[in-house]
Amino acid sequence: MPADDQDLSLDFDELTRDRFLFGSPDEVAEQIIGYQKRLGVTHMILSVHWVGMPHSQVEDALNMFAEEVMPRVASAS
């Protein structure tokens, strides 16, 4: 990790910028499309499960991603 990337005293927005996909399905799709356009990204490895999350919430997130985010990204390609 770059030395300047270890400063945890930064505010939350600065720490999370370009590291996580947050937001509504439209917002997440736009973030992914932005990575495609700016960086040529064709594959992403995503995690939707965090410690303590109920399994039902993980399933809901995966379903929302598959049903709402992926089609928007595919149609933008």
C-alpha atoms as a PDB file:
ATOM      1  CA  MET A   1       0.000   0.000   0.000  1.00  0.00           C
ATOM      2  CA  PRO A   2       1.419   3.439  -0.898  1.00  0.00           C
ATOM      3  CA  ALA A   3       2.619   5.427   2.128  1.00  0.00           C
ATOM      4  CA  ASP A   4       0.130   8.240   1.501  1.00  0.00           C
ATOM      5  CA  ASP A   5      -2.669   5.656   1.390  1.00  0.00           C
ATOM      6  CA  GLN A   6      -2.325   4.770   5.075  1.00  0.00           C
ATOM      7  CA  ASP A   7      -3.557   8.041   6.595  1.00  0.00           C
ATOM      8  CA  LEU A   8      -6.636   6.987   8.557  1.00  0.00           C
ATOM      9  CA  SER A   9      -7.083  10.496   9.965  1.00  0.00           C
ATOM     10  CA  LEU A  10      -8.799  11.542   6.720  1.00  0.00           C
ATOM     11  CA  ASP A  11     -12.549  12.067   6.782  1.00  0.00           C
ATOM     12  CA  PHE A  12     -14.832   9.175   5.787  1.00  0.00           C
ATOM     13  CA  ASP A  13     -15.559  10.459   2.272  1.00  0.00           C
ATOM     14  CA  GLU A  14     -11.861  10.822   1.513  1.00  0.00           C
ATOM     15  CA  LEU A  15     -11.043   7.356   2.887  1.00  0.00           C
ATOM     16  CA  THR A  16     -13.751   5.663   0.839  1.00  0.00           C
ATOM     17  CA  ARG A  17     -13.262   7.594  -2.431  1.00  0.00           C
ATOM     18  CA  ASP A  18     -12.607   5.162  -5.295  1.00  0.00           C
ATOM     19  CA  ARG A  19     -12.507   2.173  -2.925  1.00  0.00           C
ATOM     20  CA  PHE A  20     -16.132   1.141  -2.482  1.00  0.00           C
ATOM     21  CA  LEU A  21     -19.336   1.180  -4.492  1.00  0.00           C
ATOM     22  CA  PHE A  22     -22.058   2.827  -2.410  1.00  0.00           C
ATOM     23  CA  GLY A  23     -25.508   4.042  -3.314  1.00  0.00           C
ATOM     24  CA  SER A  24     -28.676   3.196  -5.148  1.00  0.00           C
ATOM     25  CA  PRO A  25     -28.589   0.724  -8.060  1.00  0.00           C
ATOM     26  CA  ASP A  26     -28.376   3.691 -10.457  1.00  0.00           C
ATOM     27  CA  GLU A  27     -25.477   5.233  -8.526  1.00  0.00           C
ATOM     28  CA  VAL A  28     -23.562   1.951  -8.308  1.00  0.00           C
ATOM     29  CA  ALA A  29     -24.101   1.282 -12.016  1.00  0.00           C
ATOM     30  CA  GLU A  30     -22.783   4.770 -12.835  1.00  0.00           C
ATOM     31  CA  GLN A  31     -19.707   4.184 -10.678  1.00  0.00           C
ATOM     32  CA  ILE A  32     -18.969   0.912 -12.498  1.00  0.00           C
ATOM     33  CA  ILE A  33     -19.571   2.518 -15.889  1.00  0.00           C
ATOM     34  CA  GLY A  34     -17.162   5.283 -14.848  1.00  0.00           C
ATOM     35  CA  TYR A  35     -14.467   2.697 -14.102  1.00  0.00           C
ATOM     36  CA  GLN A  36     -15.110   1.102 -17.494  1.00  0.00           C
ATOM     37  CA  LYS A  37     -14.757   4.408 -19.328  1.00  0.00           C
ATOM     38  CA  ARG A  38     -11.818   5.841 -17.371  1.00  0.00           C
ATOM     39  CA  LEU A  39      -9.773   2.694 -16.813  1.00  0.00           C
ATOM     40  CA  GLY A  40     -11.026   0.125 -19.323  1.00  0.00           C
ATOM     41  CA  VAL A  41     -12.170  -2.156 -16.494  1.00  0.00           C
ATOM     42  CA  THR A  42     -13.818  -5.319 -17.808  1.00  0.00           C
ATOM     43  CA  HIS A  43     -13.898  -7.410 -14.618  1.00  0.00           C
ATOM     44  CA  MET A  44     -14.476  -6.592 -10.967  1.00  0.00           C
ATOM     45  CA  ILE A  45     -14.284  -8.669  -7.814  1.00  0.00           C
ATOM     46  CA  LEU A  46     -17.025  -7.590  -5.433  1.00  0.00           C
ATOM     47  CA  SER A  47     -17.893  -8.487  -1.875  1.00  0.00           C
ATOM     48  CA  VAL A  48     -21.356  -7.882  -0.502  1.00  0.00           C
ATOM     49  CA  HIS A  49     -20.925  -9.742   2.777  1.00  0.00           C
ATOM     50  CA  TRP A  50     -19.450  -8.052   5.813  1.00  0.00           C
ATOM     51  CA  VAL A  51     -18.982  -9.440   9.304  1.00  0.00           C
ATOM     52  CA  GLY A  52     -22.268  -9.570  11.169  1.00  0.00           C
ATOM     53  CA  MET A  53     -24.540  -9.142   8.142  1.00  0.00           C
ATOM     54  CA  PRO A  54     -27.576 -11.423   8.111  1.00  0.00           C
ATOM     55  CA  HIS A  55     -27.551 -13.897   5.226  1.00  0.00           C
ATOM     56  CA  SER A  56     -30.905 -12.551   4.000  1.00  0.00           C
ATOM     57  CA  GLN A  57     -29.371  -9.083   3.565  1.00  0.00           C
ATOM     58  CA  VAL A  58     -26.517 -10.557   1.523  1.00  0.00           C
ATOM     59  CA  GLU A  59     -29.016 -12.375  -0.708  1.00  0.00           C
ATOM     60  CA  ASP A  60     -31.029  -9.163  -1.150  1.00  0.00           C
ATOM     61  CA  ALA A  61     -27.886  -7.238  -2.141  1.00  0.00           C
ATOM     62  CA  LEU A  62     -26.849  -9.912  -4.649  1.00  0.00           C
ATOM     63  CA  ASN A  63     -30.323 -10.038  -6.161  1.00  0.00           C
ATOM     64  CA  MET A  64     -30.492  -6.253  -6.456  1.00  0.00           C
ATOM     65  CA  PHE A  65     -27.064  -6.196  -8.089  1.00  0.00           C
ATOM     66  CA  ALA A  66     -28.051  -8.909 -10.589  1.00  0.00           C
ATOM     67  CA  GLU A  67     -31.498  -7.511 -11.392  1.00  0.00           C
ATOM     68  CA  GLU A  68     -30.883  -3.764 -11.337  1.00  0.00           C
ATOM     69  CA  VAL A  69     -27.182  -2.911 -11.561  1.00  0.00           C
ATOM     70  CA  MET A  70     -25.849  -5.476 -14.056  1.00  0.00           C
ATOM     71  CA  PRO A  71     -28.446  -4.737 -16.771  1.00  0.00           C
ATOM     72  CA  ARG A  72     -27.684  -0.980 -16.558  1.00  0.00           C
ATOM     73  CA  VAL A  73     -23.952  -1.626 -16.878  1.00  0.00           C
ATOM     74  CA  ALA A  74     -24.447  -4.068 -19.748  1.00  0.00           C
ATOM     75  CA  SER A  75     -26.628  -1.624 -21.683  1.00  0.00           C
ATOM     76  CA  ALA A  76     -23.985   1.104 -21.302  1.00  0.00           C
ATOM     77  CA  SER A  77     -21.247  -1.035 -22.869  1.00  0.00           C
END
